[in-house]
Protein backbone atom coordinates (compact mmCIF):
# COMPACT_ATOMS: atom_id res chain seq x y z
CA MET A 1 -81.52 -28.15 -27.83
CA SER A 2 -84.55 -26.72 -26.03
CA ALA A 3 -84.11 -23.80 -23.66
CA ALA A 4 -84.87 -24.32 -19.99
CA PRO A 5 -88.37 -23.24 -18.91
CA LYS A 6 -88.66 -19.61 -17.96
CA ARG A 7 -88.57 -19.04 -14.24
CA ALA A 8 -90.63 -16.65 -12.19
CA ARG A 9 -89.35 -13.09 -12.19
CA VAL A 10 -88.48 -11.66 -8.78
CA ALA A 11 -90.30 -8.39 -8.08
CA ASP A 12 -88.09 -5.31 -7.86
CA PRO A 13 -88.66 -3.67 -4.45
CA ASP A 14 -87.67 -0.22 -5.71
CA PRO A 15 -88.11 0.07 -9.50
CA SER A 16 -88.23 3.88 -9.52
CA GLY A 17 -85.00 4.14 -7.53
CA ARG A 18 -83.21 1.72 -9.83
CA GLU A 19 -84.42 3.65 -12.87
CA ARG A 20 -83.13 6.95 -11.44
CA LEU A 21 -79.76 5.35 -10.70
CA ARG A 22 -79.56 3.93 -14.21
CA GLN A 23 -80.39 7.30 -15.75
CA ALA A 24 -77.76 9.04 -13.60
CA GLU A 25 -75.11 6.48 -14.59
CA ASN A 26 -75.99 6.84 -18.27
CA LEU A 27 -75.84 10.65 -18.05
CA ALA A 28 -72.43 10.53 -16.36
CA ALA A 29 -71.14 8.13 -19.03
CA LEU A 30 -72.52 10.36 -21.78
CA ASN A 31 -70.79 13.43 -20.33
CA ILE A 32 -67.46 11.57 -20.26
CA LEU A 33 -67.98 10.37 -23.82
CA LEU A 34 -68.87 13.80 -25.19
CA ALA A 35 -65.92 15.48 -23.48
CA GLY A 36 -63.51 12.92 -24.90
CA ILE A 37 -64.95 13.15 -28.41
CA ALA A 38 -64.69 16.94 -28.33
CA HIS A 39 -61.04 16.70 -27.26
CA ASN A 40 -60.17 14.09 -29.90
CA LEU A 41 -61.73 16.12 -32.70
CA ALA A 42 -60.60 19.57 -31.56
CA ASN A 43 -56.86 19.07 -32.06
CA PRO A 44 -56.86 17.89 -35.70
CA LEU A 45 -59.59 20.38 -36.63
CA ALA A 46 -57.56 23.23 -35.15
CA ALA A 47 -54.51 22.14 -37.15
CA ILE A 48 -56.56 21.98 -40.36
CA GLY A 49 -57.99 25.43 -39.61
CA ASN A 50 -54.52 26.89 -39.11
CA PHE A 51 -53.36 25.39 -42.41
CA LEU A 52 -56.33 26.77 -44.34
CA ALA A 53 -55.86 30.23 -42.82
CA LEU A 54 -52.32 30.34 -44.23
CA VAL A 55 -53.19 29.11 -47.72
CA PRO A 56 -53.68 32.58 -49.31
CA ASP A 57 -50.24 33.79 -48.17
CA GLN A 58 -48.14 30.63 -48.19
CA TRP A 59 -49.35 28.40 -51.03
CA GLU A 60 -47.45 30.15 -53.83
CA GLN A 61 -44.46 31.20 -51.73
CA SER A 62 -43.52 28.05 -49.81
CA GLU A 63 -42.82 24.67 -51.35
CA SER A 64 -42.71 23.01 -47.92
CA PHE A 65 -46.18 24.43 -47.23
CA ARG A 66 -47.49 22.88 -50.47
CA THR A 67 -45.89 19.52 -49.68
CA ALA A 68 -45.11 18.67 -46.04
CA ASP A 69 -47.69 20.97 -44.43
CA TYR A 70 -50.31 19.92 -46.96
CA GLN A 71 -49.68 16.23 -46.21
CA ARG A 72 -49.97 16.86 -42.47
CA ALA A 73 -53.31 18.58 -43.04
CA LEU A 74 -54.50 15.56 -45.05
CA GLN A 75 -53.41 13.26 -42.22
CA ASP A 76 -55.32 15.37 -39.70
CA LEU A 77 -58.38 15.23 -41.95
CA SER A 78 -58.01 11.45 -42.17
CA ARG A 79 -57.92 11.26 -38.35
CA VAL A 80 -61.18 13.19 -38.15
CA GLN A 81 -62.80 10.95 -40.76
CA GLU A 82 -61.68 7.78 -38.94
CA GLN A 83 -63.07 9.05 -35.66
CA ILE A 84 -66.40 9.95 -37.26
CA GLU A 85 -66.56 6.48 -38.83
CA SER A 86 -65.87 4.95 -35.40
CA LEU A 87 -68.71 6.98 -33.93
CA THR A 88 -71.02 5.93 -36.75
CA ARG A 89 -70.29 2.25 -36.09
CA ILE A 90 -71.35 2.52 -32.45
CA ALA A 91 -74.12 5.08 -32.96
CA VAL A 92 -77.53 3.72 -32.03
CA ALA A 93 -80.84 5.22 -31.04
CA PRO A 94 -81.60 3.45 -27.75
CA ASP A 95 -85.29 3.12 -27.09
CA LEU A 96 -86.12 2.14 -23.55
CA GLU A 97 -89.78 1.67 -24.43
CA THR A 98 -91.40 -1.62 -25.39
CA VAL A 99 -90.14 -3.12 -28.64
CA GLU A 100 -91.68 -5.71 -30.92
CA PRO A 101 -90.60 -9.33 -30.23
CA TRP A 102 -87.94 -10.62 -32.62
CA ARG A 103 -86.18 -13.93 -33.20
CA VAL A 104 -82.60 -14.24 -32.01
CA GLU A 105 -81.59 -16.53 -34.87
CA THR A 106 -82.43 -13.86 -37.48
CA LEU A 107 -80.10 -11.36 -35.83
CA ALA A 108 -77.38 -14.00 -35.48
CA ALA A 109 -77.66 -14.82 -39.19
CA GLU A 110 -77.28 -11.12 -40.10
CA LEU A 111 -74.19 -10.84 -37.90
CA HIS A 112 -72.74 -13.98 -39.47
CA LEU A 113 -73.13 -12.50 -42.97
CA TYR A 114 -71.61 -9.21 -41.81
CA ALA A 115 -68.63 -11.01 -40.29
CA LEU A 116 -68.05 -13.08 -43.45
CA GLY A 117 -67.87 -9.92 -45.54
CA ALA A 118 -65.66 -8.02 -43.11
CA ALA A 119 -63.26 -10.95 -42.66
CA ALA A 120 -62.88 -11.89 -46.33
CA GLU A 121 -60.15 -9.33 -47.08
CA ARG A 122 -57.82 -10.85 -44.47
CA GLY A 123 -58.70 -14.44 -45.29
CA ILE A 124 -60.24 -14.97 -41.86
CA SER A 125 -62.86 -17.69 -41.42
CA ILE A 126 -65.93 -17.36 -39.20
CA ASP A 127 -66.91 -20.18 -36.86
CA TYR A 128 -70.65 -19.79 -36.23
CA GLN A 129 -72.67 -21.66 -33.60
CA ILE A 130 -76.15 -20.85 -32.32
CA GLU A 131 -78.56 -22.29 -29.80
CA ARG A 132 -82.04 -21.12 -30.79
CA PRO A 133 -84.17 -20.01 -27.83
CA GLU A 134 -87.82 -20.97 -27.90
CA ASN A 135 -88.95 -17.49 -26.90
CA PRO A 136 -88.45 -14.29 -28.93
CA SER A 137 -86.46 -11.42 -27.44
CA LEU A 138 -87.98 -8.18 -26.17
CA GLN A 139 -84.67 -6.32 -26.07
CA PRO A 140 -83.88 -3.45 -28.52
CA ARG A 141 -82.60 -5.35 -31.54
CA GLU A 142 -80.50 -2.62 -33.18
CA VAL A 143 -78.71 -1.79 -29.93
CA LEU A 144 -77.56 -5.40 -29.54
CA LYS A 145 -76.61 -5.57 -33.21
CA GLN A 146 -74.36 -2.51 -33.00
CA ILE A 147 -72.64 -3.78 -29.84
CA LEU A 148 -71.88 -7.08 -31.55
CA ILE A 149 -70.65 -5.39 -34.73
CA VAL A 150 -68.12 -3.52 -32.58
CA LEU A 151 -67.00 -6.84 -31.05
CA LEU A 152 -66.77 -8.50 -34.48
CA ASP A 153 -64.79 -5.59 -35.96
CA ASN A 154 -62.34 -5.77 -33.05
CA ALA A 155 -62.01 -9.55 -33.31
CA ILE A 156 -61.39 -9.44 -37.06
CA GLY A 157 -58.84 -6.67 -36.59
CA PHE A 158 -56.89 -8.60 -33.95
CA ALA A 159 -57.26 -12.14 -35.32
CA ALA A 160 -54.24 -13.93 -36.71
CA GLU A 161 -53.70 -13.62 -40.46
CA SER A 162 -55.91 -16.27 -42.12
CA GLY A 163 -57.14 -17.12 -38.63
CA THR A 164 -60.59 -17.73 -37.18
CA VAL A 165 -63.19 -15.63 -35.38
CA HIS A 166 -65.87 -17.42 -33.38
CA LEU A 167 -69.44 -16.11 -33.10
CA GLY A 168 -71.62 -18.05 -30.69
CA VAL A 169 -75.13 -17.59 -29.32
CA SER A 170 -76.46 -19.61 -26.40
CA VAL A 171 -79.16 -19.43 -23.73
CA GLU A 172 -78.56 -19.60 -19.98
CA ALA A 173 -81.16 -20.04 -17.25
CA ARG A 174 -80.63 -17.77 -14.26
CA SER A 175 -82.66 -17.38 -11.10
CA ASP A 176 -84.86 -14.63 -12.50
CA ASP A 177 -85.02 -15.21 -16.26
CA LEU A 178 -83.55 -16.68 -19.42
CA TRP A 179 -80.43 -14.88 -20.62
CA LEU A 180 -78.79 -14.61 -24.02
CA LYS A 181 -75.04 -15.09 -24.15
CA MET A 182 -73.53 -13.77 -27.38
CA LEU A 183 -69.83 -14.61 -27.58
CA VAL A 184 -67.18 -13.23 -29.95
CA ARG A 185 -63.67 -14.74 -29.82
CA ASP A 186 -60.55 -14.23 -31.93
CA ASP A 187 -57.32 -16.22 -32.18
CA GLY A 188 -54.94 -13.27 -32.03
CA PRO A 189 -52.31 -12.46 -29.40
CA GLY A 190 -54.83 -11.47 -26.75
CA ILE A 191 -54.94 -8.30 -24.67
CA PRO A 192 -51.68 -7.26 -22.96
CA ALA A 193 -51.80 -7.92 -19.22
CA ALA A 194 -51.21 -4.24 -18.47
CA SER A 195 -54.29 -3.29 -20.52
CA VAL A 196 -56.84 -5.83 -19.24
CA GLU A 197 -58.10 -3.58 -16.44
CA ARG A 198 -58.45 -0.60 -18.79
CA ILE A 199 -60.09 -1.92 -21.96
CA PHE A 200 -63.56 -0.70 -20.92
CA GLU A 201 -62.32 2.78 -20.05
CA PRO A 202 -63.38 5.53 -22.47
CA PHE A 203 -60.71 6.54 -24.99
CA TYR A 204 -58.32 3.73 -24.09
CA SER A 205 -57.40 1.53 -27.04
CA THR A 206 -54.77 -1.11 -27.82
CA ARG A 207 -55.47 -0.74 -31.55
CA ASN A 208 -53.54 1.69 -33.75
CA GLY A 209 -55.86 4.54 -34.66
CA GLY A 210 -58.62 3.29 -32.35
CA MET A 211 -60.74 5.81 -30.48
CA GLY A 212 -61.32 3.53 -27.51
CA ILE A 213 -65.07 4.10 -27.28
CA GLY A 214 -66.60 0.93 -28.73
CA LEU A 215 -66.21 -1.29 -25.67
CA PHE A 216 -67.03 1.57 -23.32
CA VAL A 217 -70.28 2.45 -25.09
CA GLY A 218 -71.13 -1.23 -25.60
CA ARG A 219 -70.87 -1.96 -21.88
CA GLN A 220 -72.90 1.14 -20.95
CA LEU A 221 -75.67 0.15 -23.37
CA ALA A 222 -75.69 -3.47 -22.22
CA ARG A 223 -76.02 -2.38 -18.60
CA ALA A 224 -78.75 0.11 -19.50
CA TYR A 225 -80.84 -2.85 -20.66
CA GLY A 226 -80.15 -5.02 -17.63
CA GLY A 227 -77.18 -6.95 -19.03
CA ASP A 228 -73.42 -6.65 -19.22
CA LEU A 229 -70.45 -6.81 -21.58
CA ARG A 230 -67.35 -8.51 -20.22
CA LEU A 231 -64.01 -9.99 -21.14
CA GLU A 232 -64.69 -13.72 -20.90
CA SER A 233 -61.15 -15.02 -21.44
CA ASN A 234 -57.81 -13.73 -22.63
CA GLY A 235 -54.65 -15.19 -24.10
CA PRO A 236 -54.21 -16.60 -26.57
CA GLY A 237 -56.91 -14.61 -28.29
CA ALA A 238 -59.60 -12.54 -26.58
CA SER A 239 -63.17 -13.60 -25.91
CA PHE A 240 -65.93 -11.08 -25.16
CA ALA A 241 -69.42 -12.01 -23.96
CA LEU A 242 -72.54 -9.88 -24.24
CA MET A 243 -74.96 -11.09 -21.57
CA ILE A 244 -78.53 -9.81 -21.73
CA PRO A 245 -81.93 -10.96 -20.40
CA LEU A 246 -84.04 -12.45 -23.17
CA ALA A 247 -86.93 -10.25 -22.05
CA ALA A 248 -86.67 -6.53 -21.36
CA PRO A 249 -85.46 -5.55 -17.86
């Protein structure tokens, strides 16, 4: 199916003002993120430090120190490792400068392969549909890829056992441009009603052991490039849509 012809872009009456506002919003979001990360890492690291400080005196004298306290220290270390892995999954190097054009279908194919590998352990199948746009994208490829990996990881984690995760890519014509819509949907229980309004808040998670930063960072990045990340539908299952202009903002 051919994409609709590209429409004329409406001139921005105040590009410098919009850029300053975007930078201020990104800085505020970064400050919130850094403060939360510091808090989440400080507590388990302090507990590990206290344990290590007591090792010379307590290791030989206390059996409970060598067993129960040692296991708690390992659990704290595991918490730190999980949080670092979560940060690594959403870590990108956003480049607001011009990027080389790239084909959307190549990124979609990479994401499909990633999802197949990640879902195999739980016996989850991946439903994959793509509408190929005629024009290449001028958005930062790796930023979009990392946002979608977060969505796929969440969907695979919440999908029903031996269920299905849907990955779809389509093109929508809006008044000012052609937009990519990249949809990830699972068939799990959906997001609890009490949590729907909070899922994009930093450090709020409905997943055991989750840091609650993937959706927050994903939305901030999408908006930094002129798009958005939103909850498309909920219950049964959850459907998230990454909307982004095909060209750079």
